[in-house]
N, C-alpha and C. Protein backbone atom coordinates (compact mmCIF):
# COMPACT_ATOMS: atom_id res chain seq x y z
N UNK A 1 0.85 -1.40 -0.06
CA UNK A 1 -0.09 -0.02 -0.18
C UNK A 1 0.86 1.19 -0.20
N UNK A 2 0.52 2.43 -0.76
CA UNK A 2 1.30 3.52 -1.11
C UNK A 2 1.02 4.26 0.12
N UNK A 3 2.49 5.08 0.71
CA UNK A 3 2.14 5.70 1.96
C UNK A 3 1.24 7.21 1.23
N UNK A 4 0.76 7.95 2.24
CA UNK A 4 0.06 9.10 1.94
C UNK A 4 0.78 10.47 2.35
N UNK A 5 1.30 11.16 1.39
CA UNK A 5 1.85 12.52 1.87
C UNK A 5 0.89 13.69 2.23
N UNK A 6 0.82 14.11 3.59
CA UNK A 6 -0.07 15.02 4.01
C UNK A 6 0.45 16.39 3.77
N UNK A 7 1.76 16.63 3.95
CA UNK A 7 2.30 17.88 3.84
C UNK A 7 3.62 17.71 3.35
N UNK A 8 4.10 18.84 2.70
CA UNK A 8 5.64 18.88 2.16
C UNK A 8 5.60 20.51 2.10
N UNK A 9 6.52 21.10 2.86
CA UNK A 9 6.78 22.57 2.97
C UNK A 9 8.10 23.04 3.05
N UNK A 10 8.63 23.81 2.75
CA UNK A 10 10.01 24.78 2.88
C UNK A 10 9.88 25.81 3.77
N UNK A 11 10.72 25.79 4.96
CA UNK A 11 10.64 27.15 5.77
C UNK A 11 12.06 27.44 6.16
N UNK A 12 12.09 28.35 6.82
CA UNK A 12 13.46 29.01 7.50
C UNK A 12 13.83 27.73 8.64
N UNK A 13 12.87 27.41 9.35
CA UNK A 13 13.33 26.66 10.33
C UNK A 13 11.96 25.57 10.70
N UNK A 14 12.63 24.72 11.20
CA UNK A 14 11.50 23.50 11.84
C UNK A 14 12.17 22.81 12.89
N UNK A 15 11.37 22.71 14.11
CA UNK A 15 11.86 22.28 15.36
C UNK A 15 10.76 21.59 16.24
N UNK A 16 11.13 21.10 16.98
CA UNK A 16 10.09 20.17 18.11
C UNK A 16 10.20 20.64 19.27
N UNK A 17 9.02 21.21 19.87
CA UNK A 17 8.73 21.79 20.91
C UNK A 17 9.10 20.99 22.24
N UNK A 18 10.17 21.19 22.99
CA UNK A 18 10.48 20.40 24.31
C UNK A 18 9.21 19.99 25.05
N UNK A 19 8.42 21.23 25.17
CA UNK A 19 7.09 20.87 26.25
C UNK A 19 6.18 20.10 25.71
N UNK A 20 5.70 20.41 24.46
CA UNK A 20 4.48 19.84 23.81
C UNK A 20 4.73 18.90 23.07
N UNK A 21 5.96 18.71 22.47
CA UNK A 21 6.07 17.76 21.50
C UNK A 21 5.70 18.05 20.22
N UNK A 22 5.05 19.20 20.03
CA UNK A 22 4.55 19.90 18.70
C UNK A 22 5.96 20.31 17.63
N UNK A 23 5.43 19.77 16.50
CA UNK A 23 6.44 20.42 15.42
C UNK A 23 6.11 21.68 15.01
N UNK A 24 7.20 22.73 15.02
CA UNK A 24 6.97 24.03 14.73
C UNK A 24 7.80 24.28 13.51
N UNK A 25 6.79 24.79 12.53
CA UNK A 25 7.42 25.15 11.11
C UNK A 25 7.43 26.66 10.98
N UNK A 26 8.58 27.43 10.79
CA UNK A 26 8.36 28.68 11.10
C UNK A 26 9.10 29.30 9.78
N UNK A 27 8.34 30.30 9.01
CA UNK A 27 8.95 31.06 7.81
C UNK A 27 8.61 30.26 6.82
N UNK A 28 7.60 29.76 6.31
CA UNK A 28 7.15 28.88 5.10
C UNK A 28 7.34 29.99 4.04
N UNK A 29 7.92 29.67 2.79
CA UNK A 29 8.22 30.17 1.86
C UNK A 29 8.17 29.31 0.31
N UNK A 30 7.88 30.00 -0.63
CA UNK A 30 8.05 29.49 -1.99
C UNK A 30 8.61 30.31 -3.23
N UNK A 31 9.06 31.34 -2.76
CA UNK A 31 9.80 32.36 -3.66
C UNK A 31 11.02 32.77 -3.09
N UNK A 32 12.18 32.98 -3.81
CA UNK A 32 13.46 33.22 -3.32
C UNK A 32 13.64 34.45 -4.52
N UNK A 33 14.32 35.60 -3.73
CA UNK A 33 14.81 36.62 -4.71
C UNK A 33 16.23 36.70 -4.63
N UNK A 34 16.69 36.89 -5.94
CA UNK A 34 18.08 36.98 -6.18
C UNK A 34 18.52 38.25 -6.79
N UNK A 35 19.65 38.70 -6.50
CA UNK A 35 20.04 40.03 -7.26
C UNK A 35 20.95 39.47 -8.45
N UNK A 36 20.84 40.62 -9.61
CA UNK A 36 21.40 40.27 -10.68
C UNK A 36 22.91 39.50 -10.50
N UNK A 37 23.56 40.02 -9.63
CA UNK A 37 25.04 39.69 -9.36
C UNK A 37 25.16 38.32 -8.95
N UNK A 38 24.36 37.88 -8.08
CA UNK A 38 24.09 36.26 -7.38
C UNK A 38 23.72 35.46 -8.86
N UNK A 39 22.70 35.92 -9.54
CA UNK A 39 22.26 35.15 -10.84
C UNK A 39 23.26 35.06 -11.78
N UNK A 40 24.26 36.26 -11.85
CA UNK A 40 25.29 35.79 -13.10
C UNK A 40 26.29 34.96 -12.44
N UNK A 41 26.64 34.88 -11.11
CA UNK A 41 27.70 34.00 -10.44
C UNK A 41 27.06 32.67 -10.44
N UNK A 42 25.92 32.58 -10.38
CA UNK A 42 25.42 31.04 -10.38
C UNK A 42 25.40 30.49 -11.73
N UNK A 43 25.12 31.43 -12.80
CA UNK A 43 24.96 31.01 -14.24
C UNK A 43 26.36 30.41 -14.64
N UNK A 44 27.43 31.20 -14.03
CA UNK A 44 28.92 30.85 -14.28
C UNK A 44 29.08 29.51 -13.70
N UNK A 45 28.71 29.42 -12.64
CA UNK A 45 29.00 28.10 -11.82
C UNK A 45 28.31 26.71 -12.68
N UNK A 46 26.87 27.06 -13.13
CA UNK A 46 26.18 25.91 -13.78
C UNK A 46 26.80 25.78 -14.97
N UNK A 47 27.75 26.71 -15.66
CA UNK A 47 28.44 26.07 -16.99
C UNK A 47 29.62 25.17 -16.74
N UNK A 48 29.86 24.93 -15.45
CA UNK A 48 30.84 24.00 -15.03
C UNK A 48 29.87 22.68 -14.47
N UNK A 49 30.59 21.73 -14.21
CA UNK A 49 30.05 20.54 -13.56
C UNK A 49 29.18 20.56 -12.27
N UNK A 50 27.97 20.37 -12.67
CA UNK A 50 27.30 20.85 -11.19
C UNK A 50 27.49 19.29 -10.30
N UNK A 51 27.91 19.70 -8.92
CA UNK A 51 28.22 18.76 -8.07
C UNK A 51 27.18 18.22 -7.35
N UNK A 52 26.95 16.68 -7.49
CA UNK A 52 25.81 16.26 -6.57
C UNK A 52 26.34 15.89 -5.27
N UNK A 53 25.85 16.15 -4.33
CA UNK A 53 26.08 15.59 -2.88
C UNK A 53 25.12 15.41 -1.70
N UNK A 54 25.30 14.94 -0.72
CA UNK A 54 24.18 14.69 0.08
C UNK A 54 24.07 16.02 1.01
N UNK A 55 22.85 16.30 1.33
CA UNK A 55 22.26 17.49 1.64
C UNK A 55 23.04 17.55 3.20
N UNK A 56 23.43 16.33 3.71
CA UNK A 56 23.82 16.41 5.33
C UNK A 56 25.16 16.98 5.43
N UNK A 57 26.05 16.79 4.18
CA UNK A 57 27.30 17.71 4.11
C UNK A 57 27.48 18.89 3.84
N UNK A 58 26.48 19.45 3.31
CA UNK A 58 26.44 20.86 3.08
C UNK A 58 25.45 21.91 3.72
N UNK A 59 24.67 21.39 4.50
CA UNK A 59 24.03 22.32 5.47
C UNK A 59 24.60 23.27 6.25
N UNK A 60 24.06 24.33 6.09
CA UNK A 60 24.77 25.62 6.60
C UNK A 60 24.03 26.44 7.58
N UNK A 61 24.46 27.47 8.26
CA UNK A 61 23.46 28.61 8.91
C UNK A 61 22.90 29.02 7.84
N UNK A 62 21.38 29.35 8.10
CA UNK A 62 20.57 30.10 7.34
C UNK A 62 19.94 29.41 6.05
N UNK A 63 20.22 28.00 6.13
CA UNK A 63 19.90 27.10 5.12
C UNK A 63 18.52 26.61 5.51
N UNK A 64 17.60 26.31 4.52
CA UNK A 64 16.32 26.06 4.82
C UNK A 64 16.11 24.68 5.37
N UNK A 65 14.94 24.25 5.50
CA UNK A 65 14.51 22.93 6.16
C UNK A 65 13.27 22.58 5.32
N UNK A 66 12.91 21.17 5.23
CA UNK A 66 11.94 20.71 4.55
C UNK A 66 11.18 20.27 5.63
N UNK A 67 9.80 20.14 5.82
CA UNK A 67 8.77 19.83 6.46
C UNK A 67 8.07 18.67 5.90
N UNK A 68 8.21 17.51 6.34
CA UNK A 68 7.24 16.59 5.67
C UNK A 68 6.42 15.81 6.69
N UNK A 69 5.05 15.62 6.41
CA UNK A 69 4.03 14.81 7.39
C UNK A 69 3.39 13.56 6.36
N UNK A 70 3.71 12.35 6.98
CA UNK A 70 3.39 11.13 5.81
C UNK A 70 2.41 10.41 7.05
N UNK A 71 1.59 9.55 6.20
CA UNK A 71 0.86 8.51 7.11
C UNK A 71 0.69 7.27 6.20
N UNK A 72 0.00 6.15 6.55
CA UNK A 72 -0.12 5.05 5.77
C UNK A 72 1.22 4.40 5.59
N UNK A 73 2.32 4.52 6.29
CA UNK A 73 3.33 3.89 6.18
C UNK A 73 3.21 2.33 6.89
N UNK A 74 3.85 1.37 5.91
CA UNK A 74 3.44 0.05 6.55
C UNK A 74 5.15 -0.60 6.79
N UNK A 75 5.48 -0.82 7.92
CA UNK A 75 6.66 -1.35 8.02
C UNK A 75 7.89 -0.48 7.95
N UNK A 76 9.04 -0.74 7.56
CA UNK A 76 10.18 -0.12 7.20
C UNK A 76 9.98 0.36 5.97
N UNK A 77 9.94 1.69 5.52
CA UNK A 77 9.90 2.30 4.23
C UNK A 77 10.60 3.43 4.05
N UNK A 78 11.24 3.57 2.96
CA UNK A 78 12.36 4.40 2.48
C UNK A 78 11.61 5.51 1.37
N UNK A 79 12.19 6.49 1.71
CA UNK A 79 11.81 7.81 0.80
C UNK A 79 13.16 8.56 0.38
N UNK A 80 12.80 9.46 -0.79
CA UNK A 80 14.01 10.06 -1.09
C UNK A 80 13.58 11.39 -1.37
N UNK A 81 14.23 12.72 -0.89
CA UNK A 81 13.81 13.94 -1.20
C UNK A 81 14.62 14.59 -1.95
N UNK A 82 14.13 15.41 -3.06
CA UNK A 82 15.14 15.72 -4.20
C UNK A 82 14.54 17.10 -4.55
N UNK A 83 15.68 17.97 -5.03
CA UNK A 83 15.24 19.24 -5.53
C UNK A 83 15.64 19.41 -6.96
N UNK A 84 14.74 19.66 -7.81
CA UNK A 84 14.76 19.65 -9.35
C UNK A 84 14.35 20.64 -9.81
N UNK A 85 15.25 20.98 -11.03
CA UNK A 85 15.27 22.37 -11.59
C UNK A 85 13.87 21.71 -12.62
N UNK A 86 12.61 22.42 -12.83
CA UNK A 86 11.63 21.84 -13.77
C UNK A 86 12.12 22.27 -15.11
N UNK A 87 12.67 23.11 -15.38
CA UNK A 87 13.23 23.35 -17.02
C UNK A 87 13.86 22.37 -17.45
N UNK A 88 14.95 21.91 -16.77
CA UNK A 88 16.15 21.01 -17.29
C UNK A 88 15.68 19.60 -16.80
N UNK A 89 14.76 19.43 -15.88
CA UNK A 89 14.40 18.18 -15.12
C UNK A 89 15.80 17.53 -14.37
N UNK A 90 16.69 18.87 -13.92
CA UNK A 90 18.14 18.11 -13.64
C UNK A 90 17.88 18.16 -11.86
N UNK A 91 18.38 16.94 -11.45
CA UNK A 91 18.37 16.77 -9.95
C UNK A 91 19.30 17.66 -9.21
N UNK A 92 19.31 18.96 -8.94
CA UNK A 92 20.34 19.55 -8.31
C UNK A 92 20.86 19.00 -6.86
N UNK A 93 20.12 18.43 -5.92
CA UNK A 93 20.65 17.81 -4.90
C UNK A 93 19.76 16.86 -4.35
N UNK A 94 19.75 15.88 -3.64
CA UNK A 94 18.92 14.90 -3.09
C UNK A 94 19.41 14.30 -1.69
N UNK A 95 18.34 13.80 -1.02
CA UNK A 95 18.79 13.31 0.06
C UNK A 95 19.29 11.80 0.18
N UNK A 96 20.27 11.36 0.96
CA UNK A 96 20.29 9.75 1.07
C UNK A 96 18.91 9.28 1.72
N UNK A 97 18.42 8.07 1.50
CA UNK A 97 17.16 7.54 1.83
C UNK A 97 16.76 7.90 3.40
N UNK A 98 15.53 8.33 3.45
CA UNK A 98 15.17 8.57 4.74
C UNK A 98 14.19 7.41 5.14
N UNK A 99 14.55 6.76 6.31
CA UNK A 99 13.79 5.67 6.57
C UNK A 99 12.80 5.79 7.74
N UNK A 100 11.73 5.29 7.52
CA UNK A 100 10.55 5.20 8.54
C UNK A 100 10.01 4.09 8.93
N UNK A 101 9.96 3.83 10.09
CA UNK A 101 9.67 2.47 10.68
C UNK A 101 7.97 2.53 11.28
N UNK A 102 7.25 1.67 10.82
CA UNK A 102 5.92 1.84 11.31
C UNK A 102 5.39 0.76 11.89
N UNK A 103 4.63 0.45 13.24
CA UNK A 103 4.09 -0.78 13.37
C UNK A 103 2.55 -0.35 12.99
N UNK A 104 1.93 0.70 13.19
CA UNK A 104 0.69 0.96 12.95
C UNK A 104 0.42 1.97 11.52
N UNK A 105 -0.03 1.61 10.81
CA UNK A 105 -0.13 2.74 9.58
C UNK A 105 -0.94 3.69 9.64
N UNK A 106 -1.79 3.83 10.90
CA UNK A 106 -2.34 5.10 11.37
C UNK A 106 -1.54 6.11 11.80
N UNK A 107 -0.12 5.76 12.16
CA UNK A 107 0.61 6.67 12.82
C UNK A 107 1.27 7.53 11.78
N UNK A 108 1.03 8.80 12.37
CA UNK A 108 1.67 9.90 11.54
C UNK A 108 3.21 10.31 12.04
N UNK A 109 3.93 10.36 10.78
CA UNK A 109 5.30 10.61 10.86
C UNK A 109 5.55 12.19 10.40
N UNK A 110 6.13 12.88 11.26
CA UNK A 110 6.59 14.41 10.89
C UNK A 110 8.01 14.30 11.03
N UNK A 111 8.52 14.75 9.90
CA UNK A 111 9.95 14.87 9.54
C UNK A 111 10.44 16.11 9.13
N UNK A 112 11.78 16.68 9.87
CA UNK A 112 12.32 17.85 9.34
C UNK A 112 13.57 17.47 8.94
N UNK A 113 14.01 18.13 7.64
CA UNK A 113 15.21 17.91 7.16
C UNK A 113 15.61 19.18 6.80
N UNK A 114 17.16 19.16 7.12
CA UNK A 114 18.14 20.44 6.81
C UNK A 114 18.60 20.36 5.27
N UNK A 115 18.34 21.39 4.76
CA UNK A 115 18.71 21.45 3.24
C UNK A 115 19.86 22.33 3.11
N UNK A 116 20.60 22.28 1.84
CA UNK A 116 21.76 23.15 1.61
C UNK A 116 21.14 24.22 1.24
N UNK A 117 21.77 25.33 1.11
CA UNK A 117 21.49 26.58 0.42
C UNK A 117 20.89 26.34 -1.01
N UNK A 118 19.64 26.97 -1.14
CA UNK A 118 19.00 26.73 -2.52
C UNK A 118 19.61 27.50 -3.64
N UNK A 119 19.65 26.86 -4.83
CA UNK A 119 20.40 27.70 -5.99
C UNK A 119 19.94 29.11 -6.29
N UNK A 120 20.94 29.98 -6.89
CA UNK A 120 20.52 31.53 -6.96
C UNK A 120 20.26 31.49 -8.52
N UNK A 121 20.29 30.67 -9.40
CA UNK A 121 19.73 30.53 -10.67
C UNK A 121 18.28 31.04 -10.92
N UNK A 122 18.07 31.83 -11.54
CA UNK A 122 16.37 31.91 -12.09
C UNK A 122 15.79 30.73 -12.68
N UNK A 123 14.73 30.70 -12.21
CA UNK A 123 13.79 29.49 -12.84
C UNK A 123 12.85 28.79 -11.61
N UNK A 124 12.30 27.78 -12.24
CA UNK A 124 11.32 27.20 -11.39
C UNK A 124 11.59 25.89 -10.91
N UNK A 125 11.70 25.46 -9.49
CA UNK A 125 12.15 24.12 -9.23
C UNK A 125 11.13 23.60 -8.12
N UNK A 126 11.08 22.28 -8.07
CA UNK A 126 10.49 21.59 -7.12
C UNK A 126 11.17 20.60 -5.93
N UNK A 127 10.27 20.95 -4.96
CA UNK A 127 10.74 19.83 -3.79
C UNK A 127 10.15 18.81 -4.04
N UNK A 128 10.83 17.64 -4.02
CA UNK A 128 9.95 16.09 -4.51
C UNK A 128 10.37 15.20 -3.35
N UNK A 129 9.18 14.43 -3.07
CA UNK A 129 9.34 13.23 -2.25
C UNK A 129 8.91 12.24 -2.88
N UNK A 130 9.85 11.27 -2.96
CA UNK A 130 9.72 10.12 -3.70
C UNK A 130 9.72 8.87 -3.09
N UNK A 131 8.92 7.88 -3.41
CA UNK A 131 8.62 6.53 -2.71
C UNK A 131 8.87 5.67 -3.94
N UNK A 132 9.72 4.58 -3.73
CA UNK A 132 9.90 3.36 -4.75
C UNK A 132 9.78 3.96 -6.19
N UNK A 133 10.39 5.14 -6.41
CA UNK A 133 10.57 5.53 -7.77
C UNK A 133 9.29 6.23 -8.05
N UNK A 134 8.41 6.49 -7.21
CA UNK A 134 7.06 7.10 -7.57
C UNK A 134 7.10 8.61 -6.69
N UNK A 135 6.81 9.63 -7.51
CA UNK A 135 6.61 10.60 -6.87
C UNK A 135 5.38 10.95 -5.92
N UNK A 136 5.35 11.14 -4.74
CA UNK A 136 4.41 11.20 -3.89
C UNK A 136 3.68 12.47 -3.75
N UNK A 137 4.64 13.69 -3.88
CA UNK A 137 3.84 14.92 -3.90
C UNK A 137 5.12 16.00 -4.14
N UNK A 138 5.13 17.19 -4.40
CA UNK A 138 6.19 17.99 -4.83
C UNK A 138 5.60 19.49 -4.42
N UNK A 139 6.34 20.42 -4.00
CA UNK A 139 6.32 21.84 -3.68
C UNK A 139 7.37 22.78 -4.46
N UNK A 140 6.84 23.59 -5.21
CA UNK A 140 7.16 24.47 -6.29
C UNK A 140 7.75 25.61 -5.61
N UNK A 141 9.13 25.86 -6.16
CA UNK A 141 9.62 27.00 -5.53
C UNK A 141 10.05 27.90 -6.93
N UNK A 142 9.85 29.38 -6.88
CA UNK A 142 10.10 30.17 -7.90
C UNK A 142 11.30 31.02 -7.50
N UNK A 143 12.21 30.99 -8.33
CA UNK A 143 13.56 32.03 -8.00
C UNK A 143 13.40 32.87 -8.90
N UNK A 144 13.40 34.26 -8.55
CA UNK A 144 13.05 35.33 -9.38
C UNK A 144 13.99 36.35 -9.18
N UNK A 145 14.36 37.46 -10.22
CA UNK A 145 15.36 38.52 -10.00
C UNK A 145 14.70 39.36 -9.09
N UNK A 146 15.26 40.12 -8.07
CA UNK A 146 14.76 41.31 -7.63
C UNK A 146 15.21 42.54 -7.99
């Protein structure tokens, strides 16, 4: 049976409140503004080979977080989160497998994943959650010049 994605968001910060156990999703966004100079630098970098790496290795202060909420997980289930350029269909970065283990499919899983800084190239991107090579859902991000 296929897991059900209830929420996929991009935020400035996601954390768990120590007193209540609630996940706090702060500063959701779907647009990034870049200055002309940043866009030119990003274009120059894009002309070279784009490095693919695990997000855990490049997360920095000020980097965003992905918030994921999933139900209908049966047993041990692996997911992949990837950031895709929708113009070229290039995967800019992706996570190593996110594994969730459920004894009860009615259990809700909330996951916060730190991400690397998002690309400064103009365009439309998607944060995608994938299960067994199937897209469960996506969150669109527009990068535009300010």
